[in-house]
Amino acid sequence: MPSWTSKDRRKYERIKRSSRERGIPEERAEEIAGRTVNKGRRLEGRTPSRRTSGTGNPTRSLENRSLDELRNIARERNIRGRSSMSKAELIRALRGRR
């Protein structure tokens, strides 16, 4: 468990216990619980890997976010052509002005 909070650890244990009660093997239950907690952390922007996931601090302006964070936001909003857009183009597309 990386830098998880106590709430993350409780969530992990609860999911693992629930999986075990449904008959899932221990190793698989641990994997399911870990992936579930990490997914929640990514969606909340609490993961160190901004490149593969995460959209950064929601209080920061688009201009102050990295290109990877902008691409992740664009992916969530299903913006086409995002991989070849510059930072300025991504900001315009995210604001609805293409």
PDB file of N, CA and C in Angstrom:
ATOM      1  N   MET A   1       0.839  -1.179   0.000  1.00  0.00           N
ATOM      2  CA  MET A   1       0.000   0.000   0.000  1.00  0.00           C
ATOM      3  C   MET A   1       0.885   1.243   0.000  1.00  0.00           C
ATOM      4  N   PRO A   2       0.836   1.984  -1.073  1.00  0.00           N
ATOM      5  CA  PRO A   2       1.659   3.191  -1.154  1.00  0.00           C
ATOM      6  C   PRO A   2       1.220   4.219  -0.115  1.00  0.00           C
ATOM      7  N   SER A   3       1.205   5.447  -0.428  1.00  0.00           N
ATOM      8  CA  SER A   3       0.871   6.498   0.540  1.00  0.00           C
ATOM      9  C   SER A   3      -0.643   6.628   0.690  1.00  0.00           C
ATOM     10  N   TRP A   4      -1.270   5.557   1.089  1.00  0.00           N
ATOM     11  CA  TRP A   4      -2.708   5.551   1.275  1.00  0.00           C
ATOM     12  C   TRP A   4      -3.069   6.189   2.610  1.00  0.00           C
ATOM     13  N   THR A   5      -4.217   6.802   2.659  1.00  0.00           N
ATOM     14  CA  THR A   5      -4.727   7.347   3.904  1.00  0.00           C
ATOM     15  C   THR A   5      -5.373   6.216   4.702  1.00  0.00           C
ATOM     16  N   SER A   6      -5.728   6.501   5.943  1.00  0.00           N
ATOM     17  CA  SER A   6      -6.396   5.467   6.750  1.00  0.00           C
ATOM     18  C   SER A   6      -7.738   5.096   6.115  1.00  0.00           C
ATOM     19  N   LYS A   7      -8.401   6.056   5.489  1.00  0.00           N
ATOM     20  CA  LYS A   7      -9.666   5.775   4.812  1.00  0.00           C
ATOM     21  C   LYS A   7      -9.434   4.817   3.639  1.00  0.00           C
ATOM     22  N   ASP A   8      -8.340   5.032   2.881  1.00  0.00           N
ATOM     23  CA  ASP A   8      -8.009   4.137   1.769  1.00  0.00           C
ATOM     24  C   ASP A   8      -7.758   2.719   2.283  1.00  0.00           C
ATOM     25  N   ARG A   9      -7.033   2.592   3.403  1.00  0.00           N
ATOM     26  CA  ARG A   9      -6.744   1.272   3.967  1.00  0.00           C
ATOM     27  C   ARG A   9      -8.027   0.573   4.430  1.00  0.00           C
ATOM     28  N   ARG A  10      -8.922   1.332   5.054  1.00  0.00           N
ATOM     29  CA  ARG A  10     -10.200   0.733   5.482  1.00  0.00           C
ATOM     30  C   ARG A  10     -11.011   0.265   4.273  1.00  0.00           C
ATOM     31  N   LYS A  11     -11.029   1.083   3.227  1.00  0.00           N
ATOM     32  CA  LYS A  11     -11.755   0.725   2.003  1.00  0.00           C
ATOM     33  C   LYS A  11     -11.166  -0.551   1.398  1.00  0.00           C
ATOM     34  N   TYR A  12      -9.828  -0.639   1.371  1.00  0.00           N
ATOM     35  CA  TYR A  12      -9.130  -1.811   0.849  1.00  0.00           C
ATOM     36  C   TYR A  12      -9.547  -3.064   1.615  1.00  0.00           C
ATOM     37  N   GLU A  13      -9.490  -2.994   2.949  1.00  0.00           N
ATOM     38  CA  GLU A  13      -9.830  -4.141   3.776  1.00  0.00           C
ATOM     39  C   GLU A  13     -11.299  -4.546   3.602  1.00  0.00           C
ATOM     40  N   ARG A  14     -12.185  -3.569   3.512  1.00  0.00           N
ATOM     41  CA  ARG A  14     -13.612  -3.846   3.344  1.00  0.00           C
ATOM     42  C   ARG A  14     -13.875  -4.551   2.009  1.00  0.00           C
ATOM     43  N   ILE A  15     -13.248  -4.068   0.930  1.00  0.00           N
ATOM     44  CA  ILE A  15     -13.433  -4.673  -0.396  1.00  0.00           C
ATOM     45  C   ILE A  15     -12.835  -6.075  -0.431  1.00  0.00           C
ATOM     46  N   LYS A  16     -11.651  -6.224   0.164  1.00  0.00           N
ATOM     47  CA  LYS A  16     -10.993  -7.536   0.199  1.00  0.00           C
ATOM     48  C   LYS A  16     -11.850  -8.538   0.968  1.00  0.00           C
ATOM     49  N   ARG A  17     -12.368  -8.130   2.130  1.00  0.00           N
ATOM     50  CA  ARG A  17     -13.208  -9.015   2.944  1.00  0.00           C
ATOM     51  C   ARG A  17     -14.477  -9.409   2.178  1.00  0.00           C
ATOM     52  N   SER A  18     -15.085  -8.442   1.513  1.00  0.00           N
ATOM     53  CA  SER A  18     -16.305  -8.709   0.751  1.00  0.00           C
ATOM     54  C   SER A  18     -16.027  -9.699  -0.390  1.00  0.00           C
ATOM     55  N   SER A  19     -14.901  -9.520  -1.065  1.00  0.00           N
ATOM     56  CA  SER A  19     -14.536 -10.427  -2.161  1.00  0.00           C
ATOM     57  C   SER A  19     -14.318 -11.839  -1.636  1.00  0.00           C
ATOM     58  N   ARG A  20     -13.632 -11.951  -0.493  1.00  0.00           N
ATOM     59  CA  ARG A  20     -13.376 -13.264   0.095  1.00  0.00           C
ATOM     60  C   ARG A  20     -14.691 -13.949   0.480  1.00  0.00           C
ATOM     61  N   GLU A  21     -15.643 -13.161   0.998  1.00  0.00           N
ATOM     62  CA  GLU A  21     -16.939 -13.727   1.384  1.00  0.00           C
ATOM     63  C   GLU A  21     -17.705 -14.266   0.180  1.00  0.00           C
ATOM     64  N   ARG A  22     -17.416 -13.721  -0.994  1.00  0.00           N
ATOM     65  CA  ARG A  22     -18.077 -14.208  -2.215  1.00  0.00           C
ATOM     66  C   ARG A  22     -17.333 -15.368  -2.841  1.00  0.00           C
ATOM     67  N   GLY A  23     -16.247 -15.823  -2.182  1.00  0.00           N
ATOM     68  CA  GLY A  23     -15.527 -17.002  -2.647  1.00  0.00           C
ATOM     69  C   GLY A  23     -14.360 -16.727  -3.571  1.00  0.00           C
ATOM     70  N   ILE A  24     -13.947 -15.498  -3.682  1.00  0.00           N
ATOM     71  CA  ILE A  24     -12.809 -15.151  -4.531  1.00  0.00           C
ATOM     72  C   ILE A  24     -11.527 -15.475  -3.768  1.00  0.00           C
ATOM     73  N   PRO A  25     -10.537 -16.101  -4.430  1.00  0.00           N
ATOM     74  CA  PRO A  25      -9.283 -16.436  -3.750  1.00  0.00           C
ATOM     75  C   PRO A  25      -8.592 -15.189  -3.169  1.00  0.00           C
ATOM     76  N   GLU A  26      -7.827 -15.402  -2.094  1.00  0.00           N
ATOM     77  CA  GLU A  26      -7.163 -14.317  -1.355  1.00  0.00           C
ATOM     78  C   GLU A  26      -6.347 -13.395  -2.271  1.00  0.00           C
ATOM     79  N   GLU A  27      -5.507 -13.988  -3.117  1.00  0.00           N
ATOM     80  CA  GLU A  27      -4.640 -13.180  -3.981  1.00  0.00           C
ATOM     81  C   GLU A  27      -5.455 -12.301  -4.936  1.00  0.00           C
ATOM     82  N   ARG A  28      -6.487 -12.873  -5.522  1.00  0.00           N
ATOM     83  CA  ARG A  28      -7.344 -12.119  -6.447  1.00  0.00           C
ATOM     84  C   ARG A  28      -8.131 -11.043  -5.691  1.00  0.00           C
ATOM     85  N   ALA A  29      -8.578 -11.346  -4.489  1.00  0.00           N
ATOM     86  CA  ALA A  29      -9.317 -10.370  -3.676  1.00  0.00           C
ATOM     87  C   ALA A  29      -8.434  -9.172  -3.356  1.00  0.00           C
ATOM     88  N   GLU A  30      -7.155  -9.423  -3.052  1.00  0.00           N
ATOM     89  CA  GLU A  30      -6.211  -8.331  -2.776  1.00  0.00           C
ATOM     90  C   GLU A  30      -6.020  -7.456  -4.014  1.00  0.00           C
ATOM     91  N   GLU A  31      -5.926  -8.107  -5.168  1.00  0.00           N
ATOM     92  CA  GLU A  31      -5.748  -7.357  -6.415  1.00  0.00           C
ATOM     93  C   GLU A  31      -6.972  -6.487  -6.707  1.00  0.00           C
ATOM     94  N   ILE A  32      -8.149  -7.051  -6.557  1.00  0.00           N
ATOM     95  CA  ILE A  32      -9.387  -6.303  -6.809  1.00  0.00           C
ATOM     96  C   ILE A  32      -9.468  -5.100  -5.871  1.00  0.00           C
ATOM     97  N   ALA A  33      -9.185  -5.329  -4.594  1.00  0.00           N
ATOM     98  CA  ALA A  33      -9.266  -4.251  -3.603  1.00  0.00           C
ATOM     99  C   ALA A  33      -8.245  -3.155  -3.912  1.00  0.00           C
ATOM    100  N   GLY A  34      -7.027  -3.539  -4.223  1.00  0.00           N
ATOM    101  CA  GLY A  34      -5.989  -2.556  -4.521  1.00  0.00           C
ATOM    102  C   GLY A  34      -6.309  -1.737  -5.758  1.00  0.00           C
ATOM    103  N   ARG A  35      -6.763  -2.412  -6.787  1.00  0.00           N
ATOM    104  CA  ARG A  35      -7.107  -1.686  -8.019  1.00  0.00           C
ATOM    105  C   ARG A  35      -8.280  -0.735  -7.802  1.00  0.00           C
ATOM    106  N   THR A  36      -9.248  -1.161  -7.011  1.00  0.00           N
ATOM    107  CA  THR A  36     -10.414  -0.318  -6.743  1.00  0.00           C
ATOM    108  C   THR A  36     -10.014   0.939  -5.980  1.00  0.00           C
ATOM    109  N   VAL A  37      -9.194   0.783  -4.942  1.00  0.00           N
ATOM    110  CA  VAL A  37      -8.743   1.938  -4.159  1.00  0.00           C
ATOM    111  C   VAL A  37      -7.917   2.875  -5.039  1.00  0.00           C
ATOM    112  N   ASN A  38      -7.009   2.317  -5.829  1.00  0.00           N
ATOM    113  CA  ASN A  38      -6.165   3.157  -6.684  1.00  0.00           C
ATOM    114  C   ASN A  38      -6.974   3.895  -7.745  1.00  0.00           C
ATOM    115  N   LYS A  39      -8.008   3.239  -8.275  1.00  0.00           N
ATOM    116  CA  LYS A  39      -8.857   3.912  -9.260  1.00  0.00           C
ATOM    117  C   LYS A  39      -9.536   5.121  -8.630  1.00  0.00           C
ATOM    118  N   GLY A  40     -10.043   4.941  -7.424  1.00  0.00           N
ATOM    119  CA  GLY A  40     -10.663   6.060  -6.717  1.00  0.00           C
ATOM    120  C   GLY A  40      -9.684   7.197  -6.492  1.00  0.00           C
ATOM    121  N   ARG A  41      -8.459   6.851  -6.136  1.00  0.00           N
ATOM    122  CA  ARG A  41      -7.429   7.878  -5.917  1.00  0.00           C
ATOM    123  C   ARG A  41      -7.132   8.628  -7.224  1.00  0.00           C
ATOM    124  N   ARG A  42      -7.082   7.876  -8.336  1.00  0.00           N
ATOM    125  CA  ARG A  42      -6.829   8.520  -9.633  1.00  0.00           C
ATOM    126  C   ARG A  42      -7.947   9.486  -9.986  1.00  0.00           C
ATOM    127  N   LEU A  43      -9.186   9.041  -9.812  1.00  0.00           N
ATOM    128  CA  LEU A  43     -10.333   9.879 -10.165  1.00  0.00           C
ATOM    129  C   LEU A  43     -10.399  11.138  -9.304  1.00  0.00           C
ATOM    130  N   GLU A  44      -9.885  11.041  -8.086  1.00  0.00           N
ATOM    131  CA  GLU A  44      -9.864  12.191  -7.187  1.00  0.00           C
ATOM    132  C   GLU A  44      -8.625  13.049  -7.397  1.00  0.00           C
ATOM    133  N   GLY A  45      -7.703  12.618  -8.278  1.00  0.00           N
ATOM    134  CA  GLY A  45      -6.481  13.377  -8.525  1.00  0.00           C
ATOM    135  C   GLY A  45      -5.445  13.203  -7.428  1.00  0.00           C
ATOM    136  N   ARG A  46      -5.503  12.078  -6.680  1.00  0.00           N
ATOM    137  CA  ARG A  46      -4.572  11.861  -5.588  1.00  0.00           C
ATOM    138  C   ARG A  46      -3.508  10.836  -5.932  1.00  0.00           C
ATOM    139  N   THR A  47      -3.186  10.690  -7.179  1.00  0.00           N
ATOM    140  CA  THR A  47      -2.169   9.719  -7.571  1.00  0.00           C
ATOM    141  C   THR A  47      -0.951  10.454  -8.112  1.00  0.00           C
ATOM    142  N   PRO A  48       0.251   9.922  -7.872  1.00  0.00           N
ATOM    143  CA  PRO A  48       1.441  10.609  -8.348  1.00  0.00           C
ATOM    144  C   PRO A  48       1.651  10.519  -9.852  1.00  0.00           C
ATOM    145  N   SER A  49       0.915   9.655 -10.536  1.00  0.00           N
ATOM    146  CA  SER A  49       1.125   9.456 -11.963  1.00  0.00           C
ATOM    147  C   SER A  49       0.180  10.334 -12.780  1.00  0.00           C
ATOM    148  N   ARG A  50       0.559  11.578 -12.981  1.00  0.00           N
ATOM    149  CA  ARG A  50      -0.290  12.476 -13.766  1.00  0.00           C
ATOM    150  C   ARG A  50      -0.278  12.106 -15.238  1.00  0.00           C
ATOM    151  N   ARG A  51       0.782  11.449 -15.676  1.00  0.00           N
ATOM    152  CA  ARG A  51       0.917  11.139 -17.095  1.00  0.00           C
ATOM    153  C   ARG A  51      -0.142  10.134 -17.557  1.00  0.00           C
ATOM    154  N   THR A  52      -0.336   9.100 -16.778  1.00  0.00           N
ATOM    155  CA  THR A  52      -1.270   8.053 -17.211  1.00  0.00           C
ATOM    156  C   THR A  52      -2.684   8.301 -16.745  1.00  0.00           C
ATOM    157  N   SER A  53      -2.823   9.104 -15.732  1.00  0.00           N
ATOM    158  CA  SER A  53      -4.148   9.373 -15.212  1.00  0.00           C
ATOM    159  C   SER A  53      -4.105  10.621 -14.365  1.00  0.00           C
ATOM    160  N   GLY A  54      -5.241  11.021 -13.897  1.00  0.00           N
ATOM    161  CA  GLY A  54      -5.301  12.200 -13.055  1.00  0.00           C
ATOM    162  C   GLY A  54      -5.430  13.466 -13.889  1.00  0.00           C
ATOM    163  N   THR A  55      -6.166  14.395 -13.358  1.00  0.00           N
ATOM    164  CA  THR A  55      -6.414  15.634 -14.089  1.00  0.00           C
ATOM    165  C   THR A  55      -5.878  16.838 -13.338  1.00  0.00           C
ATOM    166  N   GLY A  56      -5.129  16.583 -12.291  1.00  0.00           N
ATOM    167  CA  GLY A  56      -4.532  17.670 -11.541  1.00  0.00           C
ATOM    168  C   GLY A  56      -5.493  18.284 -10.535  1.00  0.00           C
ATOM    169  N   ASN A  57      -5.026  19.330  -9.928  1.00  0.00           N
ATOM    170  CA  ASN A  57      -5.799  20.030  -8.908  1.00  0.00           C
ATOM    171  C   ASN A  57      -6.969  20.750  -9.576  1.00  0.00           C
ATOM    172  N   PRO A  58      -8.192  20.461  -9.173  1.00  0.00           N
ATOM    173  CA  PRO A  58      -9.353  21.066  -9.839  1.00  0.00           C
ATOM    174  C   PRO A  58      -9.469  22.573  -9.620  1.00  0.00           C
ATOM    175  N   THR A  59      -8.740  23.121  -8.663  1.00  0.00           N
ATOM    176  CA  THR A  59      -8.818  24.565  -8.431  1.00  0.00           C
ATOM    177  C   THR A  59      -7.837  25.338  -9.304  1.00  0.00           C
ATOM    178  N   ARG A  60      -6.911  24.637  -9.956  1.00  0.00           N
ATOM    179  CA  ARG A  60      -5.953  25.312 -10.838  1.00  0.00           C
ATOM    180  C   ARG A  60      -6.582  25.573 -12.191  1.00  0.00           C
ATOM    181  N   SER A  61      -6.170  26.671 -12.808  1.00  0.00           N
ATOM    182  CA  SER A  61      -6.696  26.995 -14.139  1.00  0.00           C
ATOM    183  C   SER A  61      -6.129  26.017 -15.166  1.00  0.00           C
ATOM    184  N   LEU A  62      -6.757  25.949 -16.311  1.00  0.00           N
ATOM    185  CA  LEU A  62      -6.283  25.061 -17.366  1.00  0.00           C
ATOM    186  C   LEU A  62      -4.874  25.437 -17.799  1.00  0.00           C
ATOM    187  N   GLU A  63      -4.573  26.731 -17.823  1.00  0.00           N
ATOM    188  CA  GLU A  63      -3.246  27.189 -18.250  1.00  0.00           C
ATOM    189  C   GLU A  63      -2.139  26.705 -17.310  1.00  0.00           C
ATOM    190  N   ASN A  64      -2.484  26.464 -16.064  1.00  0.00           N
ATOM    191  CA  ASN A  64      -1.480  26.048 -15.081  1.00  0.00           C
ATOM    192  C   ASN A  64      -1.364  24.536 -14.945  1.00  0.00           C
ATOM    193  N   ARG A  65      -2.057  23.801 -15.781  1.00  0.00           N
ATOM    194  CA  ARG A  65      -1.964  22.344 -15.753  1.00  0.00           C
ATOM    195  C   ARG A  65      -1.005  21.871 -16.832  1.00  0.00           C
ATOM    196  N   SER A  66      -0.487  20.662 -16.641  1.00  0.00           N
ATOM    197  CA  SER A  66       0.446  20.105 -17.623  1.00  0.00           C
ATOM    198  C   SER A  66      -0.320  19.618 -18.860  1.00  0.00           C
ATOM    199  N   LEU A  67       0.416  19.411 -19.923  1.00  0.00           N
ATOM    200  CA  LEU A  67      -0.178  18.904 -21.165  1.00  0.00           C
ATOM    201  C   LEU A  67      -0.820  17.536 -20.920  1.00  0.00           C
ATOM    202  N   ASP A  68      -0.151  16.690 -20.141  1.00  0.00           N
ATOM    203  CA  ASP A  68      -0.713  15.365 -19.835  1.00  0.00           C
ATOM    204  C   ASP A  68      -2.018  15.475 -19.068  1.00  0.00           C
ATOM    205  N   GLU A  69      -2.086  16.393 -18.102  1.00  0.00           N
ATOM    206  CA  GLU A  69      -3.328  16.580 -17.353  1.00  0.00           C
ATOM    207  C   GLU A  69      -4.445  17.045 -18.281  1.00  0.00           C
ATOM    208  N   LEU A  70      -4.130  17.961 -19.186  1.00  0.00           N
ATOM    209  CA  LEU A  70      -5.137  18.454 -20.138  1.00  0.00           C
ATOM    210  C   LEU A  70      -5.620  17.333 -21.052  1.00  0.00           C
ATOM    211  N   ARG A  71      -4.695  16.484 -21.492  1.00  0.00           N
ATOM    212  CA  ARG A  71      -5.086  15.355 -22.343  1.00  0.00           C
ATOM    213  C   ARG A  71      -5.982  14.383 -21.582  1.00  0.00           C
ATOM    214  N   ASN A  72      -5.697  14.176 -20.309  1.00  0.00           N
ATOM    215  CA  ASN A  72      -6.539  13.284 -19.503  1.00  0.00           C
ATOM    216  C   ASN A  72      -7.944  13.852 -19.353  1.00  0.00           C
ATOM    217  N   ILE A  73      -8.050  15.153 -19.164  1.00  0.00           N
ATOM    218  CA  ILE A  73      -9.372  15.792 -19.074  1.00  0.00           C
ATOM    219  C   ILE A  73     -10.095  15.641 -20.413  1.00  0.00           C
ATOM    220  N   ALA A  74      -9.358  15.885 -21.508  1.00  0.00           N
ATOM    221  CA  ALA A  74      -9.952  15.774 -22.845  1.00  0.00           C
ATOM    222  C   ALA A  74     -10.420  14.336 -23.111  1.00  0.00           C
ATOM    223  N   ARG A  75      -9.659  13.363 -22.628  1.00  0.00           N
ATOM    224  CA  ARG A  75     -10.065  11.960 -22.804  1.00  0.00           C
ATOM    225  C   ARG A  75     -11.374  11.704 -22.061  1.00  0.00           C
ATOM    226  N   GLU A  76     -11.498  12.220 -20.831  1.00  0.00           N
ATOM    227  CA  GLU A  76     -12.732  12.046 -20.066  1.00  0.00           C
ATOM    228  C   GLU A  76     -13.928  12.672 -20.778  1.00  0.00           C
ATOM    229  N   ARG A  77     -13.690  13.749 -21.504  1.00  0.00           N
ATOM    230  CA  ARG A  77     -14.777  14.449 -22.203  1.00  0.00           C
ATOM    231  C   ARG A  77     -14.929  13.989 -23.653  1.00  0.00           C
ATOM    232  N   ASN A  78     -14.179  12.969 -24.042  1.00  0.00           N
ATOM    233  CA  ASN A  78     -14.241  12.388 -25.393  1.00  0.00           C
ATOM    234  C   ASN A  78     -13.993  13.409 -26.496  1.00  0.00           C
ATOM    235  N   ILE A  79     -12.995  14.238 -26.336  1.00  0.00           N
ATOM    236  CA  ILE A  79     -12.639  15.221 -27.358  1.00  0.00           C
ATOM    237  C   ILE A  79     -11.761  14.533 -28.398  1.00  0.00           C
ATOM    238  N   ARG A  80     -12.210  14.575 -29.637  1.00  0.00           N
ATOM    239  CA  ARG A  80     -11.484  13.915 -30.727  1.00  0.00           C
ATOM    240  C   ARG A  80     -10.245  14.715 -31.121  1.00  0.00           C
ATOM    241  N   GLY A  81      -9.199  13.992 -31.490  1.00  0.00           N
ATOM    242  CA  GLY A  81      -7.967  14.621 -31.960  1.00  0.00           C
ATOM    243  C   GLY A  81      -7.087  15.160 -30.849  1.00  0.00           C
ATOM    244  N   ARG A  82      -7.371  14.824 -29.617  1.00  0.00           N
ATOM    245  CA  ARG A  82      -6.651  15.394 -28.478  1.00  0.00           C
ATOM    246  C   ARG A  82      -5.168  15.035 -28.466  1.00  0.00           C
ATOM    247  N   SER A  83      -4.817  13.868 -28.965  1.00  0.00           N
ATOM    248  CA  SER A  83      -3.422  13.430 -28.886  1.00  0.00           C
ATOM    249  C   SER A  83      -2.493  14.275 -29.747  1.00  0.00           C
ATOM    250  N   SER A  84      -3.036  14.897 -30.781  1.00  0.00           N
ATOM    251  CA  SER A  84      -2.172  15.705 -31.648  1.00  0.00           C
ATOM    252  C   SER A  84      -2.325  17.206 -31.397  1.00  0.00           C
ATOM    253  N   MET A  85      -3.127  17.583 -30.399  1.00  0.00           N
ATOM    254  CA  MET A  85      -3.347  19.002 -30.113  1.00  0.00           C
ATOM    255  C   MET A  85      -2.228  19.580 -29.256  1.00  0.00           C
ATOM    256  N   SER A  86      -1.956  20.858 -29.475  1.00  0.00           N
ATOM    257  CA  SER A  86      -1.019  21.574 -28.611  1.00  0.00           C
ATOM    258  C   SER A  86      -1.745  21.944 -27.323  1.00  0.00           C
ATOM    259  N   LYS A  87      -0.989  22.472 -26.364  1.00  0.00           N
ATOM    260  CA  LYS A  87      -1.607  22.855 -25.098  1.00  0.00           C
ATOM    261  C   LYS A  87      -2.673  23.929 -25.315  1.00  0.00           C
ATOM    262  N   ALA A  88      -2.372  24.914 -26.133  1.00  0.00           N
ATOM    263  CA  ALA A  88      -3.335  25.994 -26.405  1.00  0.00           C
ATOM    264  C   ALA A  88      -4.592  25.447 -27.089  1.00  0.00           C
ATOM    265  N   GLU A  89      -4.414  24.516 -28.031  1.00  0.00           N
ATOM    266  CA  GLU A  89      -5.568  23.925 -28.717  1.00  0.00           C
ATOM    267  C   GLU A  89      -6.428  23.114 -27.747  1.00  0.00           C
ATOM    268  N   LEU A  90      -5.776  22.385 -26.840  1.00  0.00           N
ATOM    269  CA  LEU A  90      -6.518  21.613 -25.846  1.00  0.00           C
ATOM    270  C   LEU A  90      -7.331  22.532 -24.944  1.00  0.00           C
ATOM    271  N   ILE A  91      -6.736  23.627 -24.508  1.00  0.00           N
ATOM    272  CA  ILE A  91      -7.443  24.569 -23.636  1.00  0.00           C
ATOM    273  C   ILE A  91      -8.674  25.121 -24.351  1.00  0.00           C
ATOM    274  N   ARG A  92      -8.506  25.496 -25.624  1.00  0.00           N
ATOM    275  CA  ARG A  92      -9.653  26.004 -26.398  1.00  0.00           C
ATOM    276  C   ARG A  92     -10.743  24.939 -26.529  1.00  0.00           C
ATOM    277  N   ALA A  93     -10.330  23.710 -26.835  1.00  0.00           N
ATOM    278  CA  ALA A  93     -11.316  22.632 -26.995  1.00  0.00           C
ATOM    279  C   ALA A  93     -12.027  22.336 -25.670  1.00  0.00           C
ATOM    280  N   LEU A  94     -11.298  22.364 -24.574  1.00  0.00           N
ATOM    281  CA  LEU A  94     -11.908  22.109 -23.265  1.00  0.00           C
ATOM    282  C   LEU A  94     -12.883  23.210 -22.858  1.00  0.00           C
ATOM    283  N   ARG A  95     -12.609  24.395 -23.323  1.00  0.00           N
ATOM    284  CA  ARG A  95     -13.510  25.503 -23.014  1.00  0.00           C
ATOM    285  C   ARG A  95     -14.663  25.587 -24.013  1.00  0.00           C
ATOM    286  N   GLY A  96     -14.651  24.708 -25.005  1.00  0.00           N
ATOM    287  CA  GLY A  96     -15.754  24.678 -25.964  1.00  0.00           C
ATOM    288  C   GLY A  96     -15.572  25.573 -27.174  1.00  0.00           C
ATOM    289  N   ARG A  97     -14.386  26.138 -27.326  1.00  0.00           N
ATOM    290  CA  ARG A  97     -14.115  27.008 -28.481  1.00  0.00           C
ATOM    291  C   ARG A  97     -13.085  26.314 -29.363  1.00  0.00           C
ATOM    292  N   ARG A  98     -13.510  25.707 -30.427  1.00  0.00           N
ATOM    293  CA  ARG A  98     -12.570  24.991 -31.312  1.00  0.00           C
ATOM    294  C   ARG A  98     -12.006  25.842 -32.372  1.00  0.00           C
TER     295      ARG A  98
END
